[in-house]
mmCIF file of all heavy atoms, coordinates in Angstrom:
data_MODEL
# 
_entry.id   MODEL 
# 
loop_
_atom_site.group_PDB 
_atom_site.id 
_atom_site.type_symbol 
_atom_site.label_atom_id 
_atom_site.label_alt_id 
_atom_site.label_comp_id 
_atom_site.label_asym_id 
_atom_site.label_entity_id 
_atom_site.label_seq_id 
_atom_site.pdbx_PDB_ins_code 
_atom_site.Cartn_x 
_atom_site.Cartn_y 
_atom_site.Cartn_z 
_atom_site.occupancy 
_atom_site.B_iso_or_equiv 
_atom_site.pdbx_formal_charge 
_atom_site.auth_seq_id 
_atom_site.auth_comp_id 
_atom_site.auth_asym_id 
_atom_site.auth_atom_id 
_atom_site.pdbx_PDB_model_num 
ATOM 1   N N   . GLN A 1 1  ? 7.965   8.768   -15.619 1.00 0.00 ? 1  GLN A N   1 
ATOM 2   C CA  . GLN A 1 1  ? 7.951   9.053   -17.049 1.00 0.00 ? 1  GLN A CA  1 
ATOM 3   C C   . GLN A 1 1  ? 9.224   8.583   -17.733 1.00 0.00 ? 1  GLN A C   1 
ATOM 4   O O   . GLN A 1 1  ? 9.201   8.151   -18.884 1.00 0.00 ? 1  GLN A O   1 
ATOM 5   C CB  . GLN A 1 1  ? 7.744   10.550  -17.270 1.00 0.00 ? 1  GLN A CB  1 
ATOM 6   C CG  . GLN A 1 1  ? 6.363   11.050  -16.863 1.00 0.00 ? 1  GLN A CG  1 
ATOM 7   C CD  . GLN A 1 1  ? 6.128   12.500  -17.235 1.00 0.00 ? 1  GLN A CD  1 
ATOM 8   O OE1 . GLN A 1 1  ? 6.966   13.136  -17.870 1.00 0.00 ? 1  GLN A OE1 1 
ATOM 9   N NE2 . GLN A 1 1  ? 4.983   13.035  -16.846 1.00 0.00 ? 1  GLN A NE2 1 
ATOM 10  N N   . ASP A 1 2  ? 10.347  8.655   -17.036 1.00 0.00 ? 2  ASP A N   1 
ATOM 11  C CA  . ASP A 1 2  ? 11.621  8.238   -17.625 1.00 0.00 ? 2  ASP A CA  1 
ATOM 12  C C   . ASP A 1 2  ? 11.763  6.722   -17.675 1.00 0.00 ? 2  ASP A C   1 
ATOM 13  O O   . ASP A 1 2  ? 12.332  6.177   -18.622 1.00 0.00 ? 2  ASP A O   1 
ATOM 14  C CB  . ASP A 1 2  ? 12.791  8.839   -16.830 1.00 0.00 ? 2  ASP A CB  1 
ATOM 15  C CG  . ASP A 1 2  ? 12.819  10.356  -16.917 1.00 0.00 ? 2  ASP A CG  1 
ATOM 16  O OD1 . ASP A 1 2  ? 12.381  10.890  -17.960 1.00 0.00 ? 2  ASP A OD1 1 
ATOM 17  O OD2 . ASP A 1 2  ? 13.266  10.993  -15.954 1.00 0.00 ? 2  ASP A OD2 1 
ATOM 18  N N   . ASP A 1 3  ? 11.249  6.052   -16.653 1.00 0.00 ? 3  ASP A N   1 
ATOM 19  C CA  . ASP A 1 3  ? 11.343  4.593   -16.581 1.00 0.00 ? 3  ASP A CA  1 
ATOM 20  C C   . ASP A 1 3  ? 10.063  4.080   -15.929 1.00 0.00 ? 3  ASP A C   1 
ATOM 21  O O   . ASP A 1 3  ? 9.951   4.066   -14.704 1.00 0.00 ? 3  ASP A O   1 
ATOM 22  C CB  . ASP A 1 3  ? 12.570  4.170   -15.774 1.00 0.00 ? 3  ASP A CB  1 
ATOM 23  C CG  . ASP A 1 3  ? 12.816  2.677   -15.826 1.00 0.00 ? 3  ASP A CG  1 
ATOM 24  O OD1 . ASP A 1 3  ? 11.938  1.956   -16.351 1.00 0.00 ? 3  ASP A OD1 1 
ATOM 25  O OD2 . ASP A 1 3  ? 13.879  2.224   -15.362 1.00 0.00 ? 3  ASP A OD2 1 
ATOM 26  N N   . PRO A 1 4  ? 9.080   3.650   -16.719 1.00 0.00 ? 4  PRO A N   1 
ATOM 27  C CA  . PRO A 1 4  ? 7.755   3.317   -16.178 1.00 0.00 ? 4  PRO A CA  1 
ATOM 28  C C   . PRO A 1 4  ? 7.750   2.221   -15.123 1.00 0.00 ? 4  PRO A C   1 
ATOM 29  O O   . PRO A 1 4  ? 6.805   2.144   -14.344 1.00 0.00 ? 4  PRO A O   1 
ATOM 30  C CB  . PRO A 1 4  ? 6.974   2.877   -17.427 1.00 0.00 ? 4  PRO A CB  1 
ATOM 31  C CG  . PRO A 1 4  ? 7.656   3.540   -18.562 1.00 0.00 ? 4  PRO A CG  1 
ATOM 32  C CD  . PRO A 1 4  ? 9.106   3.567   -18.194 1.00 0.00 ? 4  PRO A CD  1 
ATOM 33  N N   . LYS A 1 5  ? 8.784   1.393   -15.080 1.00 0.00 ? 5  LYS A N   1 
ATOM 34  C CA  . LYS A 1 5  ? 8.789   0.343   -14.060 1.00 0.00 ? 5  LYS A CA  1 
ATOM 35  C C   . LYS A 1 5  ? 9.254   0.855   -12.698 1.00 0.00 ? 5  LYS A C   1 
ATOM 36  O O   . LYS A 1 5  ? 9.144   0.165   -11.687 1.00 0.00 ? 5  LYS A O   1 
ATOM 37  C CB  . LYS A 1 5  ? 9.659   -0.831  -14.491 1.00 0.00 ? 5  LYS A CB  1 
ATOM 38  C CG  . LYS A 1 5  ? 11.156  -0.577  -14.556 1.00 0.00 ? 5  LYS A CG  1 
ATOM 39  C CD  . LYS A 1 5  ? 11.908  -1.850  -14.928 1.00 0.00 ? 5  LYS A CD  1 
ATOM 40  C CE  . LYS A 1 5  ? 13.408  -1.627  -15.037 1.00 0.00 ? 5  LYS A CE  1 
ATOM 41  N NZ  . LYS A 1 5  ? 13.751  -0.785  -16.198 1.00 0.00 ? 5  LYS A NZ  1 
ATOM 42  N N   . VAL A 1 6  ? 9.701   2.098   -12.650 1.00 0.00 ? 6  VAL A N   1 
ATOM 43  C CA  . VAL A 1 6  ? 10.141  2.734   -11.410 1.00 0.00 ? 6  VAL A CA  1 
ATOM 44  C C   . VAL A 1 6  ? 9.013   3.618   -10.887 1.00 0.00 ? 6  VAL A C   1 
ATOM 45  O O   . VAL A 1 6  ? 8.420   4.397   -11.635 1.00 0.00 ? 6  VAL A O   1 
ATOM 46  C CB  . VAL A 1 6  ? 11.412  3.578   -11.641 1.00 0.00 ? 6  VAL A CB  1 
ATOM 47  C CG1 . VAL A 1 6  ? 11.804  4.333   -10.372 1.00 0.00 ? 6  VAL A CG1 1 
ATOM 48  C CG2 . VAL A 1 6  ? 12.551  2.694   -12.124 1.00 0.00 ? 6  VAL A CG2 1 
ATOM 49  N N   . ALA A 1 7  ? 8.742   3.496   -9.591  1.00 0.00 ? 7  ALA A N   1 
ATOM 50  C CA  . ALA A 1 7  ? 7.652   4.267   -8.992  1.00 0.00 ? 7  ALA A CA  1 
ATOM 51  C C   . ALA A 1 7  ? 8.019   5.749   -8.902  1.00 0.00 ? 7  ALA A C   1 
ATOM 52  O O   . ALA A 1 7  ? 9.132   6.104   -8.515  1.00 0.00 ? 7  ALA A O   1 
ATOM 53  C CB  . ALA A 1 7  ? 7.342   3.730   -7.609  1.00 0.00 ? 7  ALA A CB  1 
ATOM 54  N N   . ALA A 1 8  ? 7.048   6.603   -9.249  1.00 0.00 ? 8  ALA A N   1 
ATOM 55  C CA  . ALA A 1 8  ? 7.218   8.044   -9.121  1.00 0.00 ? 8  ALA A CA  1 
ATOM 56  C C   . ALA A 1 8  ? 6.540   8.535   -7.851  1.00 0.00 ? 8  ALA A C   1 
ATOM 57  O O   . ALA A 1 8  ? 5.869   7.765   -7.135  1.00 0.00 ? 8  ALA A O   1 
ATOM 58  C CB  . ALA A 1 8  ? 6.635   8.743   -10.345 1.00 0.00 ? 8  ALA A CB  1 
ATOM 59  N N   . THR A 1 9  ? 6.691   9.815   -7.570  1.00 0.00 ? 9  THR A N   1 
ATOM 60  C CA  . THR A 1 9  ? 6.050   10.423  -6.400  1.00 0.00 ? 9  THR A CA  1 
ATOM 61  C C   . THR A 1 9  ? 4.537   10.198  -6.461  1.00 0.00 ? 9  THR A C   1 
ATOM 62  O O   . THR A 1 9  ? 3.920   10.366  -7.507  1.00 0.00 ? 9  THR A O   1 
ATOM 63  C CB  . THR A 1 9  ? 6.337   11.933  -6.367  1.00 0.00 ? 9  THR A CB  1 
ATOM 64  O OG1 . THR A 1 9  ? 7.750   12.137  -6.308  1.00 0.00 ? 9  THR A OG1 1 
ATOM 65  C CG2 . THR A 1 9  ? 5.688   12.572  -5.155  1.00 0.00 ? 9  THR A CG2 1 
ATOM 66  N N   . GLY A 1 10 ? 3.963   9.808   -5.334  1.00 0.00 ? 10 GLY A N   1 
ATOM 67  C CA  . GLY A 1 10 ? 2.534   9.531   -5.272  1.00 0.00 ? 10 GLY A CA  1 
ATOM 68  C C   . GLY A 1 10 ? 2.213   8.058   -5.218  1.00 0.00 ? 10 GLY A C   1 
ATOM 69  O O   . GLY A 1 10 ? 1.070   7.686   -4.935  1.00 0.00 ? 10 GLY A O   1 
ATOM 70  N N   . SER A 1 11 ? 3.212   7.207   -5.498  1.00 0.00 ? 11 SER A N   1 
ATOM 71  C CA  . SER A 1 11 ? 2.983   5.759   -5.397  1.00 0.00 ? 11 SER A CA  1 
ATOM 72  C C   . SER A 1 11 ? 2.841   5.365   -3.940  1.00 0.00 ? 11 SER A C   1 
ATOM 73  O O   . SER A 1 11 ? 3.584   5.829   -3.072  1.00 0.00 ? 11 SER A O   1 
ATOM 74  C CB  . SER A 1 11 ? 4.151   4.986   -6.023  1.00 0.00 ? 11 SER A CB  1 
ATOM 75  O OG  . SER A 1 11 ? 4.204   5.180   -7.414  1.00 0.00 ? 11 SER A OG  1 
ATOM 76  N N   . THR A 1 12 ? 1.880   4.481   -3.671  1.00 0.00 ? 12 THR A N   1 
ATOM 77  C CA  . THR A 1 12 ? 1.673   3.987   -2.299  1.00 0.00 ? 12 THR A CA  1 
ATOM 78  C C   . THR A 1 12 ? 1.693   2.463   -2.240  1.00 0.00 ? 12 THR A C   1 
ATOM 79  O O   . THR A 1 12 ? 1.479   1.890   -1.179  1.00 0.00 ? 12 THR A O   1 
ATOM 80  C CB  . THR A 1 12 ? 0.320   4.475   -1.736  1.00 0.00 ? 12 THR A CB  1 
ATOM 81  O OG1 . THR A 1 12 ? -0.743  3.916   -2.534  1.00 0.00 ? 12 THR A OG1 1 
ATOM 82  C CG2 . THR A 1 12 ? 0.225   5.990   -1.742  1.00 0.00 ? 12 THR A CG2 1 
ATOM 83  N N   . LEU A 1 13 ? 1.926   1.814   -3.383  1.00 0.00 ? 13 LEU A N   1 
ATOM 84  C CA  . LEU A 1 13 ? 1.830   0.359   -3.469  1.00 0.00 ? 13 LEU A CA  1 
ATOM 85  C C   . LEU A 1 13 ? 2.707   -0.314  -2.423  1.00 0.00 ? 13 LEU A C   1 
ATOM 86  O O   . LEU A 1 13 ? 3.897   -0.011  -2.301  1.00 0.00 ? 13 LEU A O   1 
ATOM 87  C CB  . LEU A 1 13 ? 2.235   -0.106  -4.867  1.00 0.00 ? 13 LEU A CB  1 
ATOM 88  C CG  . LEU A 1 13 ? 1.919   -1.545  -5.230  1.00 0.00 ? 13 LEU A CG  1 
ATOM 89  C CD1 . LEU A 1 13 ? 0.415   -1.794  -5.231  1.00 0.00 ? 13 LEU A CD1 1 
ATOM 90  C CD2 . LEU A 1 13 ? 2.515   -1.880  -6.602  1.00 0.00 ? 13 LEU A CD2 1 
ATOM 91  N N   . CYS A 1 14 ? 2.096   -1.223  -1.660  1.00 0.00 ? 14 CYS A N   1 
ATOM 92  C CA  . CYS A 1 14 ? 2.822   -1.884  -0.582  1.00 0.00 ? 14 CYS A CA  1 
ATOM 93  C C   . CYS A 1 14 ? 2.310   -3.317  -0.416  1.00 0.00 ? 14 CYS A C   1 
ATOM 94  O O   . CYS A 1 14 ? 1.380   -3.738  -1.101  1.00 0.00 ? 14 CYS A O   1 
ATOM 95  C CB  . CYS A 1 14 ? 2.673   -1.110  0.729   1.00 0.00 ? 14 CYS A CB  1 
ATOM 96  S SG  . CYS A 1 14 ? 0.973   -1.039  1.360   1.00 0.00 ? 14 CYS A SG  1 
ATOM 97  N N   . ARG A 1 15 ? 2.911   -4.049  0.495   1.00 0.00 ? 15 ARG A N   1 
ATOM 98  C CA  . ARG A 1 15 ? 2.512   -5.430  0.737   1.00 0.00 ? 15 ARG A CA  1 
ATOM 99  C C   . ARG A 1 15 ? 1.067   -5.489  1.209   1.00 0.00 ? 15 ARG A C   1 
ATOM 100 O O   . ARG A 1 15 ? 0.609   -4.633  1.973   1.00 0.00 ? 15 ARG A O   1 
ATOM 101 C CB  . ARG A 1 15 ? 3.411   -6.081  1.797   1.00 0.00 ? 15 ARG A CB  1 
ATOM 102 C CG  . ARG A 1 15 ? 4.833   -6.244  1.350   1.00 0.00 ? 15 ARG A CG  1 
ATOM 103 C CD  . ARG A 1 15 ? 5.689   -7.071  2.293   1.00 0.00 ? 15 ARG A CD  1 
ATOM 104 N NE  . ARG A 1 15 ? 5.049   -7.486  3.516   1.00 0.00 ? 15 ARG A NE  1 
ATOM 105 C CZ  . ARG A 1 15 ? 5.279   -6.955  4.719   1.00 0.00 ? 15 ARG A CZ  1 
ATOM 106 N NH1 . ARG A 1 15 ? 6.111   -5.929  4.842   1.00 0.00 ? 15 ARG A NH1 1 
ATOM 107 N NH2 . ARG A 1 15 ? 4.685   -7.427  5.786   1.00 0.00 ? 15 ARG A NH2 1 
ATOM 108 N N   . PRO A 1 16 ? 0.312   -6.502  0.788   1.00 0.00 ? 16 PRO A N   1 
ATOM 109 C CA  . PRO A 1 16 ? -1.101  -6.580  1.166   1.00 0.00 ? 16 PRO A CA  1 
ATOM 110 C C   . PRO A 1 16 ? -1.320  -6.682  2.666   1.00 0.00 ? 16 PRO A C   1 
ATOM 111 O O   . PRO A 1 16 ? -2.334  -6.192  3.176   1.00 0.00 ? 16 PRO A O   1 
ATOM 112 C CB  . PRO A 1 16 ? -1.593  -7.831  0.432   1.00 0.00 ? 16 PRO A CB  1 
ATOM 113 C CG  . PRO A 1 16 ? -0.362  -8.627  0.147   1.00 0.00 ? 16 PRO A CG  1 
ATOM 114 C CD  . PRO A 1 16 ? 0.715   -7.629  -0.085  1.00 0.00 ? 16 PRO A CD  1 
ATOM 115 N N   . GLU A 1 17 ? -0.362  -7.289  3.374   1.00 0.00 ? 17 GLU A N   1 
ATOM 116 C CA  . GLU A 1 17 ? -0.512  -7.408  4.829   1.00 0.00 ? 17 GLU A CA  1 
ATOM 117 C C   . GLU A 1 17 ? -0.599  -6.044  5.506   1.00 0.00 ? 17 GLU A C   1 
ATOM 118 O O   . GLU A 1 17 ? -1.320  -5.873  6.497   1.00 0.00 ? 17 GLU A O   1 
ATOM 119 C CB  . GLU A 1 17 ? 0.670   -8.192  5.415   1.00 0.00 ? 17 GLU A CB  1 
ATOM 120 C CG  . GLU A 1 17 ? 0.764   -9.641  4.973   1.00 0.00 ? 17 GLU A CG  1 
ATOM 121 C CD  . GLU A 1 17 ? 1.512   -9.838  3.673   1.00 0.00 ? 17 GLU A CD  1 
ATOM 122 O OE1 . GLU A 1 17 ? 1.831   -8.822  3.005   1.00 0.00 ? 17 GLU A OE1 1 
ATOM 123 O OE2 . GLU A 1 17 ? 1.800   -11.003 3.326   1.00 0.00 ? 17 GLU A OE2 1 
ATOM 124 N N   . LEU A 1 18 ? 0.127   -5.060  4.958   1.00 0.00 ? 18 LEU A N   1 
ATOM 125 C CA  . LEU A 1 18 ? 0.111   -3.719  5.550   1.00 0.00 ? 18 LEU A CA  1 
ATOM 126 C C   . LEU A 1 18 ? -1.218  -3.014  5.324   1.00 0.00 ? 18 LEU A C   1 
ATOM 127 O O   . LEU A 1 18 ? -1.639  -2.187  6.129   1.00 0.00 ? 18 LEU A O   1 
ATOM 128 C CB  . LEU A 1 18 ? 1.248   -2.882  4.961   1.00 0.00 ? 18 LEU A CB  1 
ATOM 129 C CG  . LEU A 1 18 ? 2.669   -3.378  5.240   1.00 0.00 ? 18 LEU A CG  1 
ATOM 130 C CD1 . LEU A 1 18 ? 3.690   -2.487  4.546   1.00 0.00 ? 18 LEU A CD1 1 
ATOM 131 C CD2 . LEU A 1 18 ? 2.939   -3.424  6.741   1.00 0.00 ? 18 LEU A CD2 1 
ATOM 132 N N   . ARG A 1 19 ? -1.893  -3.376  4.243   1.00 0.00 ? 19 ARG A N   1 
ATOM 133 C CA  . ARG A 1 19 ? -3.148  -2.698  3.903   1.00 0.00 ? 19 ARG A CA  1 
ATOM 134 C C   . ARG A 1 19 ? -4.306  -3.120  4.816   1.00 0.00 ? 19 ARG A C   1 
ATOM 135 O O   . ARG A 1 19 ? -5.334  -2.440  4.860   1.00 0.00 ? 19 ARG A O   1 
ATOM 136 C CB  . ARG A 1 19 ? -3.499  -2.970  2.437   1.00 0.00 ? 19 ARG A CB  1 
ATOM 137 C CG  . ARG A 1 19 ? -2.513  -2.343  1.465   1.00 0.00 ? 19 ARG A CG  1 
ATOM 138 C CD  . ARG A 1 19 ? -2.811  -2.707  0.024   1.00 0.00 ? 19 ARG A CD  1 
ATOM 139 N NE  . ARG A 1 19 ? -4.120  -2.247  -0.397  1.00 0.00 ? 19 ARG A NE  1 
ATOM 140 C CZ  . ARG A 1 19 ? -4.631  -2.506  -1.596  1.00 0.00 ? 19 ARG A CZ  1 
ATOM 141 N NH1 . ARG A 1 19 ? -3.941  -3.231  -2.474  1.00 0.00 ? 19 ARG A NH1 1 
ATOM 142 N NH2 . ARG A 1 19 ? -5.832  -2.051  -1.915  1.00 0.00 ? 19 ARG A NH2 1 
ATOM 143 N N   . VAL A 1 20 ? -4.158  -4.235  5.492   1.00 0.00 ? 20 VAL A N   1 
ATOM 144 C CA  . VAL A 1 20 ? -5.221  -4.708  6.388   1.00 0.00 ? 20 VAL A CA  1 
ATOM 145 C C   . VAL A 1 20 ? -4.792  -4.725  7.853   1.00 0.00 ? 20 VAL A C   1 
ATOM 146 O O   . VAL A 1 20 ? -5.531  -5.200  8.712   1.00 0.00 ? 20 VAL A O   1 
ATOM 147 C CB  . VAL A 1 20 ? -5.716  -6.114  5.974   1.00 0.00 ? 20 VAL A CB  1 
ATOM 148 C CG1 . VAL A 1 20 ? -6.380  -6.075  4.612   1.00 0.00 ? 20 VAL A CG1 1 
ATOM 149 C CG2 . VAL A 1 20 ? -4.569  -7.122  5.984   1.00 0.00 ? 20 VAL A CG2 1 
ATOM 150 N N   . ALA A 1 21 ? -3.603  -4.179  8.153   1.00 0.00 ? 21 ALA A N   1 
ATOM 151 C CA  . ALA A 1 21 ? -3.083  -4.234  9.533   1.00 0.00 ? 21 ALA A CA  1 
ATOM 152 C C   . ALA A 1 21 ? -4.028  -3.536  10.508  1.00 0.00 ? 21 ALA A C   1 
ATOM 153 O O   . ALA A 1 21 ? -4.245  -4.020  11.628  1.00 0.00 ? 21 ALA A O   1 
ATOM 154 C CB  . ALA A 1 21 ? -1.695  -3.602  9.588   1.00 0.00 ? 21 ALA A CB  1 
ATOM 155 N N   . HIS A 1 22 ? -4.610  -2.412  10.120  1.00 0.00 ? 22 HIS A N   1 
ATOM 156 C CA  . HIS A 1 22 ? -5.518  -1.684  11.017  1.00 0.00 ? 22 HIS A CA  1 
ATOM 157 C C   . HIS A 1 22 ? -6.812  -2.459  11.243  1.00 0.00 ? 22 HIS A C   1 
ATOM 158 O O   . HIS A 1 22 ? -7.414  -2.383  12.313  1.00 0.00 ? 22 HIS A O   1 
ATOM 159 C CB  . HIS A 1 22 ? -5.819  -0.294  10.463  1.00 0.00 ? 22 HIS A CB  1 
ATOM 160 C CG  . HIS A 1 22 ? -6.468  -0.287  9.118   1.00 0.00 ? 22 HIS A CG  1 
ATOM 161 N ND1 . HIS A 1 22 ? -5.868  -0.803  7.997   1.00 0.00 ? 22 HIS A ND1 1 
ATOM 162 C CD2 . HIS A 1 22 ? -7.680  0.188   8.694   1.00 0.00 ? 22 HIS A CD2 1 
ATOM 163 C CE1 . HIS A 1 22 ? -6.670  -0.672  6.960   1.00 0.00 ? 22 HIS A CE1 1 
ATOM 164 N NE2 . HIS A 1 22 ? -7.788  -0.080  7.357   1.00 0.00 ? 22 HIS A NE2 1 
ATOM 165 N N   . VAL A 1 23 ? -7.235  -3.219  10.238  1.00 0.00 ? 23 VAL A N   1 
ATOM 166 C CA  . VAL A 1 23 ? -8.433  -4.047  10.379  1.00 0.00 ? 23 VAL A CA  1 
ATOM 167 C C   . VAL A 1 23 ? -8.182  -5.166  11.379  1.00 0.00 ? 23 VAL A C   1 
ATOM 168 O O   . VAL A 1 23 ? -9.024  -5.473  12.229  1.00 0.00 ? 23 VAL A O   1 
ATOM 169 C CB  . VAL A 1 23 ? -8.861  -4.614  9.006   1.00 0.00 ? 23 VAL A CB  1 
ATOM 170 C CG1 . VAL A 1 23 ? -9.988  -5.631  9.161   1.00 0.00 ? 23 VAL A CG1 1 
ATOM 171 C CG2 . VAL A 1 23 ? -9.285  -3.480  8.082   1.00 0.00 ? 23 VAL A CG2 1 
ATOM 172 N N   . GLU A 1 24 ? -7.010  -5.774  11.296  1.00 0.00 ? 24 GLU A N   1 
ATOM 173 C CA  . GLU A 1 24 ? -6.675  -6.865  12.219  1.00 0.00 ? 24 GLU A CA  1 
ATOM 174 C C   . GLU A 1 24 ? -6.616  -6.380  13.662  1.00 0.00 ? 24 GLU A C   1 
ATOM 175 O O   . GLU A 1 24 ? -6.948  -7.127  14.588  1.00 0.00 ? 24 GLU A O   1 
ATOM 176 C CB  . GLU A 1 24 ? -5.348  -7.497  11.808  1.00 0.00 ? 24 GLU A CB  1 
ATOM 177 C CG  . GLU A 1 24 ? -5.428  -8.231  10.474  1.00 0.00 ? 24 GLU A CG  1 
ATOM 178 C CD  . GLU A 1 24 ? -4.098  -8.820  10.042  1.00 0.00 ? 24 GLU A CD  1 
ATOM 179 O OE1 . GLU A 1 24 ? -3.125  -8.047  9.879   1.00 0.00 ? 24 GLU A OE1 1 
ATOM 180 O OE2 . GLU A 1 24 ? -4.021  -10.046 9.875   1.00 0.00 ? 24 GLU A OE2 1 
ATOM 181 N N   . LYS A 1 25 ? -6.211  -5.137  13.866  1.00 0.00 ? 25 LYS A N   1 
ATOM 182 C CA  . LYS A 1 25 ? -6.099  -4.603  15.225  1.00 0.00 ? 25 LYS A CA  1 
ATOM 183 C C   . LYS A 1 25 ? -7.434  -4.072  15.752  1.00 0.00 ? 25 LYS A C   1 
ATOM 184 O O   . LYS A 1 25 ? -7.787  -4.299  16.915  1.00 0.00 ? 25 LYS A O   1 
ATOM 185 C CB  . LYS A 1 25 ? -5.038  -3.498  15.267  1.00 0.00 ? 25 LYS A CB  1 
ATOM 186 C CG  . LYS A 1 25 ? -3.613  -3.992  15.008  1.00 0.00 ? 25 LYS A CG  1 
ATOM 187 C CD  . LYS A 1 25 ? -2.633  -2.826  14.963  1.00 0.00 ? 25 LYS A CD  1 
ATOM 188 C CE  . LYS A 1 25 ? -1.218  -3.288  14.666  1.00 0.00 ? 25 LYS A CE  1 
ATOM 189 N NZ  . LYS A 1 25 ? -0.274  -2.141  14.541  1.00 0.00 ? 25 LYS A NZ  1 
ATOM 190 N N   . LEU A 1 26 ? -8.177  -3.361  14.907  1.00 0.00 ? 26 LEU A N   1 
ATOM 191 C CA  . LEU A 1 26 ? -9.400  -2.709  15.362  1.00 0.00 ? 26 LEU A CA  1 
ATOM 192 C C   . LEU A 1 26 ? -10.650 -3.569  15.192  1.00 0.00 ? 26 LEU A C   1 
ATOM 193 O O   . LEU A 1 26 ? -11.664 -3.318  15.832  1.00 0.00 ? 26 LEU A O   1 
ATOM 194 C CB  . LEU A 1 26 ? -9.585  -1.384  14.620  1.00 0.00 ? 26 LEU A CB  1 
ATOM 195 C CG  . LEU A 1 26 ? -8.524  -0.317  14.927  1.00 0.00 ? 26 LEU A CG  1 
ATOM 196 C CD1 . LEU A 1 26 ? -8.658  0.866   13.983  1.00 0.00 ? 26 LEU A CD1 1 
ATOM 197 C CD2 . LEU A 1 26 ? -8.617  0.141   16.374  1.00 0.00 ? 26 LEU A CD2 1 
ATOM 198 N N   . LYS A 1 27 ? -10.584 -4.559  14.281  1.00 0.00 ? 27 LYS A N   1 
ATOM 199 C CA  . LYS A 1 27 ? -11.677 -5.521  14.066  1.00 0.00 ? 27 LYS A CA  1 
ATOM 200 C C   . LYS A 1 27 ? -13.036 -4.851  13.855  1.00 0.00 ? 27 LYS A C   1 
ATOM 201 O O   . LYS A 1 27 ? -13.992 -5.092  14.595  1.00 0.00 ? 27 LYS A O   1 
ATOM 202 C CB  . LYS A 1 27 ? -11.749 -6.520  15.229  1.00 0.00 ? 27 LYS A CB  1 
ATOM 203 C CG  . LYS A 1 27 ? -10.453 -7.300  15.452  1.00 0.00 ? 27 LYS A CG  1 
ATOM 204 C CD  . LYS A 1 27 ? -10.594 -8.337  16.521  1.00 0.00 ? 27 LYS A CD  1 
ATOM 205 C CE  . LYS A 1 27 ? -9.265  -8.990  16.851  1.00 0.00 ? 27 LYS A CE  1 
ATOM 206 N NZ  . LYS A 1 27 ? -8.568  -9.557  15.691  1.00 0.00 ? 27 LYS A NZ  1 
ATOM 207 N N   . PRO A 1 28 ? -13.148 -3.996  12.847  1.00 0.00 ? 28 PRO A N   1 
ATOM 208 C CA  . PRO A 1 28 ? -14.461 -3.401  12.543  1.00 0.00 ? 28 PRO A CA  1 
ATOM 209 C C   . PRO A 1 28 ? -15.409 -4.483  12.032  1.00 0.00 ? 28 PRO A C   1 
ATOM 210 O O   . PRO A 1 28 ? -14.980 -5.563  11.614  1.00 0.00 ? 28 PRO A O   1 
ATOM 211 C CB  . PRO A 1 28 ? -14.122 -2.390  11.453  1.00 0.00 ? 28 PRO A CB  1 
ATOM 212 C CG  . PRO A 1 28 ? -12.939 -3.001  10.754  1.00 0.00 ? 28 PRO A CG  1 
ATOM 213 C CD  . PRO A 1 28 ? -12.134 -3.632  11.842  1.00 0.00 ? 28 PRO A CD  1 
ATOM 214 N N   . GLU A 1 29 ? -16.686 -4.184  12.022  1.00 0.00 ? 29 GLU A N   1 
ATOM 215 C CA  . GLU A 1 29 ? -17.656 -5.156  11.519  1.00 0.00 ? 29 GLU A CA  1 
ATOM 216 C C   . GLU A 1 29 ? -17.515 -5.359  10.009  1.00 0.00 ? 29 GLU A C   1 
ATOM 217 O O   . GLU A 1 29 ? -17.760 -6.452  9.496   1.00 0.00 ? 29 GLU A O   1 
ATOM 218 C CB  . GLU A 1 29 ? -19.075 -4.704  11.869  1.00 0.00 ? 29 GLU A CB  1 
ATOM 219 C CG  . GLU A 1 29 ? -19.372 -4.783  13.363  1.00 0.00 ? 29 GLU A CG  1 
ATOM 220 C CD  . GLU A 1 29 ? -20.752 -4.267  13.711  1.00 0.00 ? 29 GLU A CD  1 
ATOM 221 O OE1 . GLU A 1 29 ? -21.705 -5.065  13.691  1.00 0.00 ? 29 GLU A OE1 1 
ATOM 222 O OE2 . GLU A 1 29 ? -20.870 -3.059  13.978  1.00 0.00 ? 29 GLU A OE2 1 
# 
């Protein structure tokens, strides 16, 4: 609220590679 460009509690935004790391390891259909 004080500085909108700064992440507040609850932000999870991360590199896209991390979001698919479990898929690359477990290889679901």
